[in-house]
Protein backbone atom coordinates (compact mmCIF):
# COMPACT_ATOMS: atom_id res chain seq x y z
CA UNK A 1 12.89 5.15 9.25
CA UNK A 2 13.17 6.94 12.60
CA UNK A 3 16.02 4.62 13.57
CA UNK A 4 17.66 5.02 10.16
CA UNK A 5 17.38 8.79 10.45
CA UNK A 6 19.01 8.75 13.88
CA UNK A 7 21.84 6.26 13.42
CA UNK A 8 23.02 6.63 9.82
CA UNK A 9 24.14 9.52 7.66
CA UNK A 10 21.97 11.83 5.60
CA UNK A 11 22.88 10.03 2.38
CA UNK A 12 21.79 6.64 3.73
CA UNK A 13 18.53 8.11 5.06
CA UNK A 14 17.75 9.66 1.67
CA UNK A 15 18.78 6.46 -0.12
CA UNK A 16 16.26 4.44 1.89
CA UNK A 17 13.65 7.02 0.90
CA UNK A 18 14.46 6.80 -2.80
CA UNK A 19 14.85 3.02 -2.64
CA UNK A 20 11.56 2.83 -0.77
CA UNK A 21 9.79 4.56 -3.66
CA UNK A 22 11.06 1.86 -6.04
CA UNK A 23 10.32 -0.91 -3.54
CA UNK A 24 6.77 0.34 -3.05
CA UNK A 25 6.09 0.09 -6.78
CA UNK A 26 7.02 -3.60 -6.82
CA UNK A 27 5.30 -4.36 -3.54
CA UNK A 28 2.19 -2.50 -4.73
CA UNK A 29 1.84 -5.04 -7.53
CA UNK A 30 1.92 -7.88 -5.00
CA UNK A 31 -0.49 -6.13 -2.64
CA UNK A 32 -2.77 -5.35 -5.57
CA UNK A 33 -2.81 -8.98 -6.62
CA UNK A 34 -3.78 -10.07 -3.13
CA UNK A 35 -6.44 -7.36 -2.80
CA UNK A 36 -8.02 -8.63 -6.00
CA UNK A 37 -7.78 -12.23 -4.82
CA UNK A 38 -9.37 -11.33 -1.47
CA UNK A 39 -12.62 -10.37 -3.21
CA UNK A 40 -12.85 -13.91 -4.61
CA UNK A 41 -12.09 -15.38 -1.18
CA UNK A 42 -14.79 -13.23 0.42
CA UNK A 43 -17.36 -14.15 -2.24
CA UNK A 44 -16.74 -17.88 -1.74
CA UNK A 45 -16.72 -17.57 2.04
CA UNK A 46 -19.91 -15.49 2.01
CA UNK A 47 -21.59 -18.29 0.04
CA UNK A 48 -20.09 -20.86 2.48
CA UNK A 49 -18.56 -22.70 -0.49
CA UNK A 50 -15.36 -24.04 1.10
CA UNK A 51 -14.49 -26.26 -1.85
CA UNK A 52 -14.44 -23.25 -4.14
CA UNK A 53 -12.53 -21.27 -1.52
CA UNK A 54 -9.77 -23.88 -1.29
CA UNK A 55 -9.47 -24.11 -5.08
CA UNK A 56 -9.34 -20.33 -5.28
CA UNK A 57 -6.58 -20.17 -2.68
CA UNK A 58 -4.51 -22.74 -4.56
CA UNK A 59 -5.05 -21.07 -7.95
CA UNK A 60 -4.23 -17.59 -6.68
CA UNK A 61 -1.14 -18.87 -4.87
CA UNK A 62 0.22 -20.31 -8.14
CA UNK A 63 -0.50 -17.06 -9.98
CA UNK A 64 0.98 -14.96 -7.19
CA UNK A 65 4.20 -16.97 -6.88
CA UNK A 66 4.75 -16.90 -10.65
CA UNK A 67 4.30 -13.14 -10.91
CA UNK A 68 6.45 -12.47 -7.83
CA UNK A 69 9.36 -14.50 -9.21
CA UNK A 70 9.14 -12.56 -12.48
CA UNK A 71 9.12 -9.27 -10.56
CA UNK A 72 12.13 -10.27 -8.45
CA UNK A 73 14.20 -11.29 -11.47
CA UNK A 74 13.20 -8.16 -13.38
CA UNK A 75 14.15 -6.05 -10.39
CA UNK A 76 17.66 -7.49 -10.26
CA UNK A 77 18.17 -7.14 -14.01
CA UNK A 78 16.85 -3.59 -14.46
CA UNK A 79 17.77 -2.10 -11.08
CA UNK A 80 20.41 0.35 -12.35
CA UNK A 81 18.21 1.39 -15.26
CA UNK A 82 15.32 2.14 -12.90
CA UNK A 83 17.48 4.22 -10.55
CA UNK A 84 18.93 6.19 -13.46
CA UNK A 85 15.48 6.71 -14.95
CA UNK A 86 14.23 8.47 -11.80
CA UNK A 87 17.34 10.68 -11.70
CA UNK A 88 18.73 9.23 -8.48
CA UNK A 89 21.59 11.47 -7.24
CA UNK A 90 25.02 9.88 -7.76
CA UNK A 91 25.85 9.92 -4.06
CA UNK A 92 22.79 7.75 -3.34
CA UNK A 93 23.14 5.14 -6.10
CA UNK A 94 25.28 2.61 -4.23
CA UNK A 95 23.13 2.62 -1.08
CA UNK A 96 19.94 2.39 -3.16
CA UNK A 97 21.27 -0.65 -4.99
CA UNK A 98 22.23 -2.43 -1.76
CA UNK A 99 18.82 -1.72 -0.22
CA UNK A 100 16.81 -2.85 -3.22
CA UNK A 101 18.78 -6.03 -3.91
CA UNK A 102 17.94 -7.28 -0.42
CA UNK A 103 14.29 -6.32 -0.91
CA UNK A 104 14.06 -8.12 -4.26
CA UNK A 105 15.69 -11.23 -2.80
CA UNK A 106 13.04 -11.39 -0.07
CA UNK A 107 10.03 -10.42 -2.17
CA UNK A 108 8.58 -13.94 -2.08
CA UNK A 109 8.02 -13.50 1.68
CA UNK A 110 6.12 -10.30 0.94
CA UNK A 111 3.79 -12.32 -1.29
CA UNK A 112 3.38 -15.06 1.32
CA UNK A 113 2.40 -12.56 4.00
CA UNK A 114 -0.01 -10.55 1.85
CA UNK A 115 -1.64 -13.66 0.37
CA UNK A 116 -2.21 -15.26 3.77
CA UNK A 117 -3.29 -11.93 5.29
CA UNK A 118 -5.84 -11.42 2.50
CA UNK A 119 -7.33 -14.84 3.31
CA UNK A 120 -7.72 -13.95 6.98
CA UNK A 121 -9.19 -10.55 6.16
CA UNK A 122 -11.62 -12.08 3.65
CA UNK A 123 -12.83 -14.44 6.38
CA UNK A 124 -13.35 -11.57 8.80
CA UNK A 125 -10.40 -12.39 11.08
CA UNK A 126 -9.47 -8.72 11.41
CA UNK A 127 -8.70 -9.02 15.12
CA UNK A 128 -6.14 -11.73 14.37
CA UNK A 129 -4.57 -9.57 11.68
CA UNK A 130 -4.32 -6.68 14.15
CA UNK A 131 -2.35 -8.84 16.59
CA UNK A 132 -0.09 -10.09 13.80
CA UNK A 133 0.55 -6.58 12.46
CA UNK A 134 1.37 -5.25 15.93
CA UNK A 135 3.70 -8.19 16.57
CA UNK A 136 5.41 -7.68 13.21
CA UNK A 137 5.78 -3.97 13.93
CA UNK A 138 7.64 -4.64 17.17
CA UNK A 139 9.89 -7.17 15.44
CA UNK A 140 10.54 -4.63 12.69
CA UNK A 141 11.59 -2.04 15.26
CA UNK A 142 13.80 -4.58 17.03
CA UNK A 143 15.49 -5.72 13.80
CA UNK A 144 15.96 -2.12 12.68
CA UNK A 145 17.58 -1.17 15.95
CA UNK A 146 19.76 -4.28 16.15
CA UNK A 147 20.86 -4.33 12.51
CA UNK A 148 21.16 -0.58 11.96
CA UNK A 149 22.07 0.90 15.34
CA UNK A 150 24.01 -2.03 16.88
CA UNK A 151 25.56 -3.88 13.94
CA UNK A 152 25.81 -0.68 11.84
CA UNK A 153 24.63 -2.36 8.64
CA UNK A 154 23.01 0.92 7.55
CA UNK A 155 20.79 0.53 4.45
CA UNK A 156 21.35 -3.23 4.29
CA UNK A 157 20.18 -3.51 7.87
CA UNK A 158 17.04 -1.49 7.11
CA UNK A 159 16.23 -3.75 4.16
CA UNK A 160 16.90 -6.94 6.14
CA UNK A 161 14.64 -5.69 8.93
CA UNK A 162 11.82 -5.24 6.42
CA UNK A 163 12.26 -8.73 4.97
CA UNK A 164 12.60 -10.45 8.34
CA UNK A 165 9.45 -8.81 9.68
CA UNK A 166 7.57 -10.09 6.61
CA UNK A 167 8.93 -13.60 7.23
CA UNK A 168 7.60 -13.52 10.79
CA UNK A 169 4.25 -12.08 9.68
CA UNK A 170 3.84 -14.80 7.05
CA UNK A 171 4.70 -17.52 9.55
CA UNK A 172 2.17 -16.21 12.09
CA UNK A 173 -0.59 -16.07 9.45
CA UNK A 174 0.20 -19.59 8.27
CA UNK A 175 0.29 -20.92 11.82
CA UNK A 176 -3.14 -19.48 12.58
CA UNK A 177 -4.70 -20.82 9.38
CA UNK A 178 -3.32 -24.33 9.89
CA UNK A 179 -4.33 -24.46 13.55
CA UNK A 180 -7.72 -22.73 13.59
CA UNK A 181 -9.08 -22.97 10.04
CA UNK A 182 -8.88 -26.69 9.14
CA UNK A 183 -11.51 -26.28 6.40
CA UNK A 184 -8.94 -24.33 4.39
CA UNK A 185 -6.44 -27.19 4.30
CA UNK A 186 -5.74 -27.80 0.62
CA UNK A 187 -5.81 -31.39 -0.60
CA UNK A 188 -4.83 -33.00 -3.91
CA UNK A 189 -8.39 -32.68 -5.18
CA UNK A 190 -8.14 -28.87 -4.79
CA UNK A 191 -5.04 -28.65 -6.95
CA UNK A 192 -6.71 -29.39 -10.26
CA UNK A 193 -6.58 -26.78 -13.00
CA UNK A 194 -9.80 -24.81 -13.44
CA UNK A 195 -9.58 -22.61 -16.50
CA UNK A 196 -12.56 -20.41 -15.65
CA UNK A 197 -11.36 -19.86 -12.09
CA UNK A 198 -7.81 -19.17 -13.27
CA UNK A 199 -8.97 -16.56 -15.78
CA UNK A 200 -11.23 -14.88 -13.21
CA UNK A 201 -8.49 -14.86 -10.57
CA UNK A 202 -5.98 -13.48 -13.05
CA UNK A 203 -8.36 -10.74 -14.16
CA UNK A 204 -9.21 -9.67 -10.61
CA UNK A 205 -5.59 -9.86 -9.48
CA UNK A 206 -4.05 -8.06 -12.44
CA UNK A 207 -6.65 -5.30 -12.54
CA UNK A 208 -6.20 -4.64 -8.83
CA UNK A 209 -2.41 -4.84 -9.23
CA UNK A 210 -2.55 -2.28 -12.04
CA UNK A 211 -4.56 0.01 -9.79
CA UNK A 212 -2.12 -0.28 -6.90
CA UNK A 213 1.00 -0.11 -9.08
CA UNK A 214 -0.29 2.89 -11.04
CA UNK A 215 -0.58 4.73 -7.74
CA UNK A 216 3.01 3.97 -6.81
CA UNK A 217 4.27 4.47 -10.36
CA UNK A 218 2.84 7.96 -10.06
CA UNK A 219 4.65 8.38 -6.76
CA UNK A 220 7.85 7.16 -8.41
CA UNK A 221 7.45 9.80 -11.12
CA UNK A 222 6.89 12.41 -8.42
CA UNK A 223 10.06 11.14 -6.70
CA UNK A 224 11.90 11.73 -9.97
CA UNK A 225 10.80 15.36 -10.01
CA UNK A 226 11.85 15.77 -6.38
CA UNK A 227 15.24 14.14 -6.96
CA UNK A 228 15.98 16.94 -9.44
CA UNK A 229 15.42 19.54 -6.69
CA UNK A 230 18.45 18.45 -4.68
CA UNK A 231 19.34 16.61 -1.48
CA UNK A 232 17.39 18.87 0.90
CA UNK A 233 14.14 18.30 -0.96
CA UNK A 234 14.79 14.54 -1.14
CA UNK A 235 15.43 14.33 2.60
CA UNK A 236 12.37 16.44 3.41
CA UNK A 237 10.11 14.40 1.15
CA UNK A 238 11.47 11.14 2.58
CA UNK A 239 10.47 12.27 6.06
CA UNK A 240 7.08 13.49 4.84
CA UNK A 241 6.29 10.21 3.12
CA UNK A 242 7.15 8.22 6.26
CA UNK A 243 4.59 10.24 8.21
CA UNK A 244 2.08 10.20 5.36
CA UNK A 245 2.23 6.44 4.93
CA UNK A 246 1.52 5.99 8.64
CA UNK A 247 -1.56 8.20 8.45
CA UNK A 248 -2.90 6.83 5.16
CA UNK A 249 -2.45 3.24 6.37
CA UNK A 250 -5.63 3.75 8.41
CA UNK A 251 -7.49 4.64 5.22
CA UNK A 252 -6.06 1.69 3.31
CA UNK A 253 -7.11 -0.66 6.10
CA UNK A 254 -10.58 0.85 6.11
CA UNK A 255 -10.89 0.37 2.36
CA UNK A 256 -9.87 -3.27 2.68
CA UNK A 257 -12.40 -3.80 5.47
CA UNK A 258 -15.21 -2.23 3.42
CA UNK A 259 -14.25 -4.28 0.36
CA UNK A 260 -14.31 -7.56 2.29
CA UNK A 261 -17.57 -6.72 4.09
CA UNK A 262 -19.30 -5.75 0.85
CA UNK A 263 -17.91 -8.78 -1.02
CA UNK A 264 -19.03 -11.25 1.67
CA UNK A 265 -22.57 -9.91 1.83
CA UNK A 266 -22.81 -9.27 -1.90
CA UNK A 267 -21.80 -12.89 -2.50
CA UNK A 268 -24.55 -13.99 -0.09
CA UNK A 269 -27.04 -11.51 -1.62
CA UNK A 270 -27.46 -9.67 1.70
CA UNK A 271 -27.99 -6.22 0.18
CA UNK A 272 -29.49 -4.82 3.39
CA UNK A 273 -26.26 -5.54 5.26
CA UNK A 274 -24.28 -4.02 2.39
CA UNK A 275 -26.35 -0.84 2.75
CA UNK A 276 -25.96 -0.53 6.53
CA UNK A 277 -22.30 -1.49 6.57
CA UNK A 278 -21.40 0.86 3.75
CA UNK A 279 -23.08 3.86 5.39
CA UNK A 280 -21.33 3.21 8.70
CA UNK A 281 -18.02 2.53 6.93
CA UNK A 282 -18.04 5.79 4.98
CA UNK A 283 -19.00 7.79 8.06
CA UNK A 284 -16.25 6.18 10.16
CA UNK A 285 -13.64 6.68 7.45
CA UNK A 286 -14.40 10.38 7.00
CA UNK A 287 -14.41 11.03 10.76
CA UNK A 288 -11.11 9.17 11.11
CA UNK A 289 -9.55 11.11 8.24
CA UNK A 290 -10.58 14.49 9.65
CA UNK A 291 -9.45 13.58 13.17
CA UNK A 292 -6.03 12.31 12.11
CA UNK A 293 -5.48 15.29 9.79
CA UNK A 294 -6.22 17.80 12.55
CA UNK A 295 -3.96 15.94 14.97
CA UNK A 296 -1.12 15.83 12.44
CA UNK A 297 -1.49 19.51 11.60
CA UNK A 298 -0.75 20.52 15.19
CA UNK A 299 1.88 17.85 15.88
CA UNK A 300 3.75 17.83 12.58
CA UNK A 301 6.86 19.65 13.95
CA UNK A 302 7.27 16.90 16.55
CA UNK A 303 6.88 14.11 13.98
CA UNK A 304 9.39 15.79 11.67
CA UNK A 305 11.87 16.15 14.56
CA UNK A 306 11.82 12.36 14.99
CA UNK A 307 13.17 11.94 11.46
CA UNK A 308 15.19 15.10 10.76
CA UNK A 309 17.76 16.66 13.05
CA UNK A 310 16.62 19.98 14.55
CA UNK A 311 19.79 21.61 13.20
CA UNK A 312 18.59 21.10 9.63
CA UNK A 313 16.31 24.13 9.59
CA UNK A 314 15.94 24.38 5.82
CA UNK A 315 15.05 20.70 5.40
CA UNK A 316 12.57 20.95 8.27
CA UNK A 317 10.92 24.02 6.72
CA UNK A 318 10.51 22.24 3.38
CA UNK A 319 9.02 19.18 5.05
CA UNK A 320 6.57 21.28 7.09
CA UNK A 321 5.41 23.20 4.02
CA UNK A 322 4.32 19.94 2.39
CA UNK A 323 2.47 18.58 5.43
CA UNK A 324 0.72 21.90 6.12
CA UNK A 325 -1.05 21.67 2.76
CA UNK A 326 -1.58 17.90 2.80
CA UNK A 327 -3.41 18.03 6.14
CA UNK A 328 -6.17 19.89 4.28
CA UNK A 329 -6.47 17.12 1.69
CA UNK A 330 -5.93 13.92 3.69
CA UNK A 331 -9.66 13.50 4.56
CA UNK A 332 -10.35 13.28 0.81
CA UNK A 333 -8.09 10.24 0.63
CA UNK A 334 -10.16 8.51 3.31
CA UNK A 335 -13.35 9.34 1.41
CA UNK A 336 -11.97 8.00 -1.88
CA UNK A 337 -10.82 4.83 -0.13
CA UNK A 338 -14.36 4.23 1.12
CA UNK A 339 -15.71 4.26 -2.43
CA UNK A 340 -12.78 2.18 -3.66
CA UNK A 341 -13.64 -0.49 -1.11
CA UNK A 342 -17.26 -0.51 -2.26
CA UNK A 343 -16.40 -0.80 -5.96
CA UNK A 344 -13.91 -3.60 -5.33
CA UNK A 345 -16.41 -5.42 -3.15
CA UNK A 346 -19.07 -5.58 -5.88
CA UNK A 347 -16.50 -6.55 -8.52
CA UNK A 348 -16.22 -3.17 -10.29
CA UNK A 349 -12.44 -3.21 -10.06
CA UNK A 350 -12.03 -1.62 -13.50
CA UNK A 351 -13.77 1.50 -12.22
CA UNK A 352 -11.59 1.55 -9.11
CA UNK A 353 -8.54 1.35 -11.39
CA UNK A 354 -9.82 4.08 -13.70
CA UNK A 355 -10.45 6.51 -10.84
CA UNK A 356 -6.99 5.88 -9.41
CA UNK A 357 -5.36 6.32 -12.82
CA UNK A 358 -7.10 9.67 -13.29
CA UNK A 359 -5.80 10.88 -9.95
CA UNK A 360 -2.26 9.78 -10.80
CA UNK A 361 -2.21 11.46 -14.22
CA UNK A 362 -3.38 14.76 -12.76
CA UNK A 363 -0.85 14.48 -9.94
CA UNK A 364 2.09 13.85 -12.28
CA UNK A 365 1.17 16.60 -14.76
CA UNK A 366 0.67 19.29 -12.12
CA UNK A 367 3.78 18.23 -10.18
CA UNK A 368 6.07 18.57 -13.19
CA UNK A 369 4.37 21.82 -14.22
CA UNK A 370 4.80 23.65 -10.92
CA UNK A 371 7.61 21.95 -8.95
CA UNK A 372 10.28 24.45 -9.98
CA UNK A 373 8.09 27.28 -8.72
CA UNK A 374 6.50 25.79 -5.60
CA UNK A 375 8.91 22.97 -4.64
CA UNK A 376 7.19 20.33 -2.45
CA UNK A 377 4.11 22.53 -2.13
CA UNK A 378 3.41 21.75 -5.80
CA UNK A 379 3.33 18.01 -5.01
CA UNK A 380 0.86 18.57 -2.17
CA UNK A 381 -1.47 20.76 -4.26
CA UNK A 382 -1.27 18.36 -7.22
CA UNK A 383 -2.14 15.42 -4.98
CA UNK A 384 -5.12 17.23 -3.49
CA UNK A 385 -6.51 18.22 -6.90
CA UNK A 386 -6.07 14.64 -8.06
CA UNK A 387 -8.10 13.38 -5.09
CA UNK A 388 -10.86 15.89 -5.84
CA UNK A 389 -11.09 14.63 -9.42
CA UNK A 390 -11.04 11.03 -8.21
CA UNK A 391 -13.86 11.43 -5.72
CA UNK A 392 -15.94 13.31 -8.30
CA UNK A 393 -15.72 10.32 -10.66
CA UNK A 394 -16.50 7.91 -7.84
CA UNK A 395 -19.63 9.79 -6.74
CA UNK A 396 -21.05 9.77 -10.27
CA UNK A 397 -20.55 6.02 -10.71
CA UNK A 398 -21.55 5.26 -7.12
CA UNK A 399 -24.97 6.83 -7.76
CA UNK A 400 -25.36 4.71 -10.89
CA UNK A 401 -24.27 1.54 -9.07
CA UNK A 402 -26.58 2.02 -6.09
CA UNK A 403 -29.61 2.48 -8.37
CA UNK A 404 -28.70 -0.64 -10.32
CA UNK A 405 -28.04 -2.73 -7.22
CA UNK A 406 -30.61 -0.99 -5.02
CA UNK A 407 -27.96 -0.69 -2.33
CA UNK A 408 -29.00 2.66 -0.90
């Protein structure tokens, strides 16, 4: 987004922001599926049942590919309706359509990467995933610069850069699995239909996908409210979300790590390790959230300047007003992610979904109620209140779960 903000016009920058909100909703479904599947991988791996693990990988791949193809086709068919539904400004419609059509065409690569990455994470290969993510990030920057700044493909170049980086990420994951994890090689005997496994995989995947997609559906509804505020608010929010996604990615990764750790040891009935790991995980997540929030609070003008020209004083002021409030609430997101990882790890994905849904409903209601009065500050306050409600629900059910499981 930094490259897009520097080398294309304001309309194209805003279009990528609006298109990104739609893209994230679709991708959230895929990520949610794979997060749900990863719990099953971790359970099987924790029990050292490689036959079950291979069958689970095959079954989840079939489910994932089927759902992704449906999503891609639906995206192409209903694209204009979606953009109109979120009140996309007329001057952004064409660029949004170009961006999203490329994304939908390459969505299968998004599934491939997330499915393979979830396998590696479930098996504890987090160091490998770090190298792959860093490599993909550099390729993404290169493709963005080459396609956007050199070839001047604007929004199409930004979309192609995203897809190409996912292709490379998927290839690297596949290469590592084939070379270093021969026990995961799927044979004909692993491709048989298992009704019970299919139903379980579908339930875990869909519930987790609903959780992830509800979060981004809420963000899409918030984007709709912001679109009605005009181009300055859209540009400011686009910049804010770029920075926010970078910060919250640490929390999302922490939640995934906790979920996998809990699932592996829960599947092997190592409740002592669950206890120790969970305590350390929550402590690390909260410390990380507070540290990053404080750092962002004092450096937010610099981050904003990377995305918005210094001449745009009004847009910059709007963007800073949002981040100033959000820096107070970001540590709550890290805390909620810790509990989400725990609940997913022990299979209580319905509770994780319910807590997320509560946060989203509160966020949408308060945003629409106060946006006209407080502009982007209303979105920040609504988000923070939603996180407070979410963590309150999680603490209540966490206390019940730990007594039942004797975790802590």
